[in-house]
N, C-alpha and C. Protein backbone atom coordinates (compact mmCIF):
# COMPACT_ATOMS: atom_id res chain seq x y z
N MET A 1 -23.20 25.54 7.67
CA MET A 1 -22.11 25.35 8.28
C MET A 1 -21.37 24.58 7.92
N ILE A 2 -21.99 23.69 7.30
CA ILE A 2 -21.11 22.62 6.27
C ILE A 2 -20.84 23.15 4.90
N GLU A 3 -21.24 23.59 4.66
CA GLU A 3 -21.26 24.31 3.14
C GLU A 3 -19.97 25.57 3.23
N LYS A 4 -19.21 25.83 4.58
CA LYS A 4 -18.52 26.67 4.56
C LYS A 4 -17.19 25.99 5.27
N THR A 5 -17.80 25.06 5.53
CA THR A 5 -16.42 24.06 5.91
C THR A 5 -16.26 23.43 4.46
N LYS A 6 -16.64 23.12 3.90
CA LYS A 6 -16.26 22.54 2.55
C LYS A 6 -15.34 23.59 1.74
N ASP A 7 -15.99 24.61 1.84
CA ASP A 7 -15.29 26.00 1.28
C ASP A 7 -13.62 26.12 1.33
N ASN A 8 -13.81 26.49 3.11
CA ASN A 8 -12.91 26.17 3.43
C ASN A 8 -11.82 25.30 2.90
N TYR A 9 -11.75 24.16 3.16
CA TYR A 9 -10.99 22.69 2.29
C TYR A 9 -10.66 22.97 1.72
N ASN A 10 -12.13 23.58 0.26
CA ASN A 10 -11.34 23.30 -0.93
C ASN A 10 -10.39 24.64 -1.56
N ILE A 11 -10.89 25.87 -0.78
CA ILE A 11 -9.71 26.92 -0.96
C ILE A 11 -8.28 26.33 -0.53
N LYS A 12 -8.36 26.30 0.70
CA LYS A 12 -6.90 26.10 1.51
C LYS A 12 -6.30 24.81 0.14
N ARG A 13 -6.66 23.89 -0.30
CA ARG A 13 -6.49 22.50 -0.97
C ARG A 13 -5.70 23.39 -2.05
N LEU A 14 -6.83 23.99 -2.75
CA LEU A 14 -6.81 25.47 -4.25
C LEU A 14 -5.36 25.89 -4.27
N GLU A 15 -5.61 26.41 -2.89
CA GLU A 15 -4.33 27.39 -2.44
C GLU A 15 -2.88 26.81 -2.98
N GLU A 16 -2.96 25.27 -2.04
CA GLU A 16 -1.88 24.53 -1.61
C GLU A 16 -1.17 24.09 -3.40
N ALA A 17 -2.48 24.00 -3.89
CA ALA A 17 -2.19 23.43 -5.44
C ALA A 17 -1.52 24.67 -6.22
N LYS A 18 -2.31 25.69 -6.52
CA LYS A 18 -1.24 26.71 -6.97
C LYS A 18 -0.09 27.44 -6.77
N ASN A 19 0.30 26.98 -5.53
CA ASN A 19 1.80 27.05 -5.06
C ASN A 19 2.74 26.32 -4.81
N TRP A 20 2.14 25.01 -5.43
CA TRP A 20 2.94 23.55 -5.90
C TRP A 20 4.47 24.13 -6.70
N LYS A 21 5.80 23.42 -6.03
CA LYS A 21 7.25 24.01 -6.81
C LYS A 21 7.18 22.68 -7.04
N LYS A 22 7.69 22.78 -7.48
CA LYS A 22 8.77 21.31 -8.57
C LYS A 22 9.47 21.19 -7.82
N PRO A 23 9.81 19.47 -7.30
CA PRO A 23 10.55 19.06 -6.22
C PRO A 23 11.80 19.18 -7.02
N THR A 24 13.18 19.61 -5.97
CA THR A 24 14.61 18.94 -6.40
C THR A 24 15.15 17.69 -6.73
N LYS A 25 15.84 17.30 -6.87
CA LYS A 25 16.55 15.88 -7.28
C LYS A 25 16.89 15.46 -6.06
N VAL A 26 17.05 16.37 -5.15
CA VAL A 26 17.37 15.71 -3.36
C VAL A 26 16.19 15.43 -2.66
N GLU A 27 15.34 16.14 -2.76
CA GLU A 27 13.94 15.04 -2.85
C GLU A 27 13.60 14.32 -3.59
N PHE A 28 13.81 14.30 -4.83
CA PHE A 28 13.23 13.09 -5.44
C PHE A 28 13.90 11.90 -4.70
N ASP A 29 15.55 11.56 -4.46
CA ASP A 29 16.26 10.86 -3.64
C ASP A 29 15.83 10.51 -2.74
N ALA A 30 15.60 11.45 -2.21
CA ALA A 30 15.18 11.23 -0.86
C ALA A 30 13.53 10.41 -0.76
N TYR A 31 12.79 10.41 -1.56
CA TYR A 31 11.72 9.87 -2.01
C TYR A 31 11.84 8.24 -2.06
N VAL A 32 12.66 8.52 -3.02
CA VAL A 32 12.93 7.24 -3.77
C VAL A 32 13.47 5.93 -2.51
N LYS A 33 14.33 7.02 -1.58
CA LYS A 33 14.85 5.59 -0.38
C LYS A 33 14.13 5.75 0.57
N LEU A 34 13.02 6.98 1.14
CA LEU A 34 11.89 6.47 1.59
C LEU A 34 11.29 5.28 1.35
N GLN A 35 10.83 5.08 -0.20
CA GLN A 35 9.53 4.72 -0.80
C GLN A 35 10.32 3.05 -0.44
N THR A 36 11.86 3.48 -0.94
CA THR A 36 12.14 1.74 -1.07
C THR A 36 12.66 1.27 0.17
N SER A 37 12.82 1.79 1.45
CA SER A 37 12.73 1.23 2.50
C SER A 37 11.45 0.69 3.11
N TYR A 38 10.27 1.60 3.18
CA TYR A 38 9.03 1.09 2.78
C TYR A 38 8.86 -0.62 2.36
N TYR A 39 8.95 -0.27 1.13
CA TYR A 39 8.50 -1.78 0.51
C TYR A 39 8.57 -2.83 0.81
N ASN A 40 10.56 -2.62 1.27
CA ASN A 40 11.54 -3.60 2.00
C ASN A 40 10.97 -3.56 3.34
N GLU A 41 10.69 -2.99 3.78
CA GLU A 41 10.03 -2.90 5.66
C GLU A 41 8.71 -4.34 5.11
N LYS A 42 7.70 -3.89 4.39
CA LYS A 42 6.57 -4.71 4.22
C LYS A 42 7.03 -6.03 3.40
N ILE A 43 7.69 -6.17 3.07
CA ILE A 43 8.48 -7.69 1.73
C ILE A 43 8.63 -8.53 3.41
N ASP A 44 9.57 -7.33 4.34
CA ASP A 44 10.35 -8.10 5.04
C ASP A 44 9.23 -8.64 5.49
N LYS A 45 8.34 -7.90 6.40
CA LYS A 45 7.53 -8.30 6.95
C LYS A 45 6.27 -9.30 7.06
N GLN A 46 6.01 -9.46 5.20
CA GLN A 46 4.79 -11.02 4.56
C GLN A 46 5.69 -12.01 4.72
N ASN A 47 7.20 -11.89 4.88
CA ASN A 47 7.71 -13.13 4.73
C ASN A 47 7.94 -14.01 5.73
N LYS A 48 8.18 -12.57 7.16
CA LYS A 48 8.36 -13.48 8.50
C LYS A 48 6.64 -14.00 8.88
N LEU A 49 5.68 -13.49 8.34
CA LEU A 49 4.26 -13.89 8.25
C LEU A 49 3.82 -15.07 7.82
N LYS A 50 4.71 -15.34 6.68
CA LYS A 50 4.66 -15.93 5.85
C LYS A 50 5.02 -17.48 6.59
N ALA A 51 6.20 -17.12 7.26
CA ALA A 51 7.25 -18.01 7.68
C ALA A 51 6.43 -18.63 8.71
N SER A 52 5.31 -18.11 9.94
CA SER A 52 4.92 -17.99 10.47
C SER A 52 3.75 -19.11 10.35
N TYR A 53 3.03 -18.81 9.38
CA TYR A 53 1.80 -19.61 8.93
C TYR A 53 3.07 -20.81 8.44
N GLN A 54 3.91 -20.86 7.66
CA GLN A 54 4.50 -22.39 7.58
C GLN A 54 4.50 -23.16 8.36
N ARG A 55 5.04 -22.85 9.59
CA ARG A 55 5.66 -23.89 10.94
C ARG A 55 4.05 -23.97 11.39
N MET A 56 3.12 -23.16 10.84
CA MET A 56 1.91 -23.31 12.11
C MET A 56 1.49 -24.53 10.73
N LEU A 57 1.32 -24.46 9.72
CA LEU A 57 0.98 -25.27 9.14
C LEU A 57 1.34 -27.19 8.86
N ASP A 58 2.91 -26.82 9.27
CA ASP A 58 3.87 -28.18 9.56
C ASP A 58 2.98 -28.61 10.43
N LYS A 59 2.78 -28.54 11.63
CA LYS A 59 2.60 -28.78 12.69
C LYS A 59 0.84 -29.13 12.40
N ALA A 60 0.30 -28.88 12.15
CA ALA A 60 -1.17 -28.97 11.21
C ALA A 60 -0.89 -30.22 10.46
N ASN A 61 -0.20 -30.38 9.45
CA ASN A 61 0.23 -31.63 8.65
C ASN A 61 0.35 -32.93 8.91
N ALA A 62 1.78 -32.06 10.70
CA ALA A 62 2.13 -33.51 11.50
C ALA A 62 1.17 -34.41 12.23
N TRP A 63 0.39 -33.55 12.62
CA TRP A 63 -0.50 -34.28 14.15
C TRP A 63 -1.39 -34.76 13.48
N THR A 64 -1.50 -35.92 14.05
CA THR A 64 -1.86 -36.83 14.51
C THR A 64 -3.51 -36.76 14.77
N PRO A 65 -4.09 -36.96 14.07
CA PRO A 65 -6.20 -35.99 15.20
C PRO A 65 -6.03 -37.84 16.39
N PRO A 66 -6.69 -38.09 17.18
CA PRO A 66 -6.63 -38.66 17.80
C PRO A 66 -8.13 -39.42 18.01
N THR A 67 -9.05 -38.94 17.33
CA THR A 67 -10.15 -39.95 16.90
C THR A 67 -10.51 -39.46 15.27
N LYS A 68 -11.07 -40.41 14.89
CA LYS A 68 -11.63 -40.26 13.63
C LYS A 68 -12.77 -38.60 13.84
N GLU A 69 -13.30 -38.14 14.40
CA GLU A 69 -14.10 -37.28 14.76
C GLU A 69 -13.47 -36.30 14.63
N HIS A 70 -11.77 -36.29 15.04
CA HIS A 70 -11.22 -35.05 14.85
C HIS A 70 -10.45 -34.76 13.26
N GLU A 71 -9.93 -36.34 12.12
CA GLU A 71 -9.73 -36.17 10.76
C GLU A 71 -10.68 -34.49 10.19
N GLY A 72 -11.67 -34.54 10.56
CA GLY A 72 -12.37 -33.00 10.16
C GLY A 72 -11.20 -31.44 10.29
N LEU A 73 -11.68 -31.16 11.56
CA LEU A 73 -10.75 -30.84 12.47
C LEU A 73 -9.72 -30.53 11.64
N LYS A 74 -8.29 -31.40 11.39
CA LYS A 74 -7.08 -31.46 11.26
C LYS A 74 -7.42 -30.78 9.17
N LYS A 75 -8.35 -31.48 8.24
CA LYS A 75 -8.35 -30.54 7.18
C LYS A 75 -8.77 -29.54 7.24
N PHE A 76 -10.17 -29.01 8.15
CA PHE A 76 -10.12 -27.22 8.24
C PHE A 76 -9.58 -26.45 8.57
N MET A 77 -8.17 -26.79 9.36
CA MET A 77 -6.95 -26.54 10.02
C MET A 77 -6.00 -26.24 8.76
N ILE A 78 -5.74 -27.23 8.30
CA ILE A 78 -4.63 -27.08 7.04
C ILE A 78 -5.10 -26.18 6.06
N ASN A 79 -6.52 -26.19 5.25
CA ASN A 79 -7.12 -25.40 4.69
C ASN A 79 -7.28 -24.34 4.93
N GLN A 80 -7.48 -23.81 6.26
CA GLN A 80 -7.88 -22.01 6.57
C GLN A 80 -5.93 -21.87 6.89
N LEU A 81 -5.16 -22.29 7.00
CA LEU A 81 -3.92 -21.89 6.89
C LEU A 81 -3.72 -21.44 5.68
N THR A 82 -3.93 -22.47 4.72
CA THR A 82 -3.51 -22.54 3.43
C THR A 82 -4.29 -21.44 2.68
N GLU A 83 -5.42 -21.33 2.94
CA GLU A 83 -6.29 -20.06 2.04
C GLU A 83 -5.69 -18.63 3.07
N SER A 84 -5.09 -18.33 4.23
CA SER A 84 -4.66 -17.70 4.89
C SER A 84 -3.20 -17.26 4.20
N MET A 85 -2.81 -17.98 4.17
CA MET A 85 -0.51 -18.10 3.79
C MET A 85 -1.24 -17.12 1.98
N GLU A 86 -2.09 -17.92 1.69
CA GLU A 86 -2.18 -17.70 -0.43
C GLU A 86 -2.54 -15.81 0.34
N PHE A 87 -3.49 -15.54 0.78
CA PHE A 87 -4.02 -14.08 1.18
C PHE A 87 -3.43 -13.15 1.92
N ASP A 88 -3.17 -13.45 2.65
CA ASP A 88 -2.18 -12.56 3.91
C ASP A 88 -0.92 -12.35 3.82
N CYS A 89 -0.17 -13.32 3.49
CA CYS A 89 1.35 -13.04 2.69
C CYS A 89 2.02 -13.11 1.05
N SER A 90 1.44 -12.20 0.82
CA SER A 90 1.61 -12.37 -0.84
C SER A 90 2.10 -10.83 -0.82
N ASN A 91 3.22 -11.42 -1.59
CA ASN A 91 4.43 -10.07 -1.41
C ASN A 91 4.68 -9.33 -3.15
N ASP A 92 3.19 -9.75 -3.90
CA ASP A 92 3.29 -9.48 -5.03
C ASP A 92 3.35 -8.19 -5.20
N TYR A 93 2.24 -7.23 -4.65
CA TYR A 93 2.25 -5.67 -4.65
C TYR A 93 3.34 -5.09 -4.30
N TYR A 94 3.95 -5.26 -3.12
CA TYR A 94 5.06 -4.62 -2.68
C TYR A 94 6.51 -4.94 -3.41
N LYS A 95 6.69 -6.10 -3.96
CA LYS A 95 7.30 -6.57 -4.83
C LYS A 95 7.38 -4.96 -6.32
N ARG A 96 6.05 -5.37 -6.70
CA ARG A 96 5.80 -4.55 -8.46
C ARG A 96 6.34 -3.05 -7.90
N GLU A 97 6.11 -2.74 -6.56
CA GLU A 97 5.91 -0.69 -6.33
C GLU A 97 7.58 -1.25 -5.70
N LEU A 98 8.31 -2.04 -5.56
CA LEU A 98 9.53 -1.48 -5.09
C LEU A 98 10.16 -1.47 -6.60
N ILE A 99 10.11 -2.15 -7.56
CA ILE A 99 10.75 -2.35 -8.83
C ILE A 99 10.29 -0.96 -9.51
N ASP A 100 8.93 -0.80 -9.15
CA ASP A 100 8.20 0.58 -10.18
C ASP A 100 9.14 1.76 -9.45
N VAL A 101 9.12 1.73 -8.29
CA VAL A 101 10.28 2.86 -7.58
C VAL A 101 11.19 2.67 -8.17
N GLN A 102 12.17 2.03 -7.51
CA GLN A 102 13.97 1.87 -8.50
C GLN A 102 13.79 1.97 -9.56
N HIS A 103 12.77 2.20 -10.83
CA HIS A 103 13.12 2.44 -11.54
C HIS A 103 12.20 4.26 -12.26
N LEU A 104 11.79 4.59 -11.18
CA LEU A 104 11.14 5.81 -11.26
C LEU A 104 12.81 6.65 -11.63
N THR A 105 12.68 7.40 -12.95
CA THR A 105 13.37 8.80 -12.81
C THR A 105 12.97 10.06 -12.23
N TYR A 106 13.58 11.23 -12.54
CA TYR A 106 13.36 12.25 -11.39
C TYR A 106 12.31 12.92 -12.98
N GLU A 107 12.40 12.33 -14.09
CA GLU A 107 12.06 13.60 -14.84
C GLU A 107 10.32 12.79 -14.55
N LYS A 108 9.85 11.54 -14.39
CA LYS A 108 9.21 10.82 -14.64
C LYS A 108 7.69 11.23 -13.29
N TYR A 109 8.40 11.13 -12.23
CA TYR A 109 8.52 12.18 -10.80
C TYR A 109 7.56 13.79 -10.82
N VAL A 110 8.72 14.08 -11.31
CA VAL A 110 8.15 15.50 -11.66
C VAL A 110 6.90 15.34 -12.14
N ASN A 111 6.68 15.27 -13.48
CA ASN A 111 5.60 14.94 -14.43
C ASN A 111 4.30 14.27 -13.78
N ASP A 112 4.39 13.16 -12.83
CA ASP A 112 3.27 12.54 -12.31
C ASP A 112 3.03 13.33 -11.25
N MET A 113 3.58 13.95 -10.89
CA MET A 113 3.40 15.31 -9.54
C MET A 113 3.09 15.99 -10.35
N ARG A 114 3.59 16.65 -11.19
CA ARG A 114 2.79 18.05 -11.73
C ARG A 114 1.18 17.64 -12.08
N ASP A 115 0.69 16.37 -13.06
CA ASP A 115 0.09 16.16 -13.35
C ASP A 115 -0.69 15.92 -12.78
N SER A 116 -0.84 15.86 -11.17
CA SER A 116 -1.33 15.41 -10.23
C SER A 116 -2.04 16.50 -9.94
N ASN A 117 -1.05 17.15 -9.47
CA ASN A 117 -0.84 18.83 -8.88
C ASN A 117 -2.14 19.55 -9.76
N LYS A 118 -1.98 19.49 -10.98
CA LYS A 118 -3.58 19.91 -12.18
C LYS A 118 -4.80 19.20 -11.97
N ARG A 119 -5.02 18.25 -11.37
CA ARG A 119 -6.15 17.77 -10.97
C ARG A 119 -6.56 17.97 -10.00
N ASP A 120 -5.77 18.44 -8.82
CA ASP A 120 -5.92 18.91 -7.84
C ASP A 120 -6.76 20.63 -8.15
N ILE A 121 -6.39 21.21 -8.44
CA ILE A 121 -6.48 22.40 -8.89
C ILE A 121 -7.41 22.27 -9.61
N GLU A 122 -7.74 21.27 -10.54
CA GLU A 122 -9.18 21.32 -11.75
C GLU A 122 -10.45 20.76 -10.44
N TYR A 123 -10.18 19.71 -9.79
CA TYR A 123 -11.43 19.18 -8.62
C TYR A 123 -11.28 20.48 -7.91
N HIS A 124 -10.47 20.76 -7.22
CA HIS A 124 -10.97 22.05 -5.90
C HIS A 124 -11.38 23.29 -6.60
N THR A 125 -11.22 23.65 -7.97
CA THR A 125 -11.77 24.85 -8.38
C THR A 125 -13.38 24.47 -8.97
N ASN A 126 -13.78 23.02 -9.32
CA ASN A 126 -15.15 22.63 -9.92
C ASN A 126 -16.01 22.80 -7.93
N ALA A 127 -15.31 21.93 -7.50
CA ALA A 127 -16.26 21.87 -6.49
C ALA A 127 -16.46 23.18 -5.58
N LEU A 128 -15.24 23.97 -5.65
CA LEU A 128 -15.77 25.54 -5.39
C LEU A 128 -16.91 25.94 -6.17
N LYS A 129 -17.23 26.30 -7.23
CA LYS A 129 -17.89 26.12 -7.76
C LYS A 129 -19.06 26.04 -7.69
N GLU A 130 -19.87 24.93 -7.88
CA GLU A 130 -20.66 23.80 -7.38
C GLU A 130 -20.99 24.03 -5.95
N ASP A 131 -20.10 24.52 -4.66
CA ASP A 131 -20.88 25.36 -3.83
C ASP A 131 -21.54 26.23 -3.55
């Protein structure tokens, strides 16, 4: 039963890959617009998250521990917030992707899709042979 399911999946994907059609310029423009919007939203979301972390970090830095026993807690809070901000709020990936999509040409887009489609055909053809 599992083999049959695999076959059906690979057959369907192979058929889709063989029926691939070159995207139009309008489809390319829509893709760039959609991706640009997506990355801008992600960057905005990360910026808002970073601002939230920064507000909390400012409060932690301004907090005066009520006892010496609480000084370790303050250091821990500051450390956790700083590390979390570095890890959770980085925009580097989204900024790189945004630049890449804004510099993407129609020709490169089509070539990349064609190459990906060729890999799909090879993969699913080989998967069917193995099954």
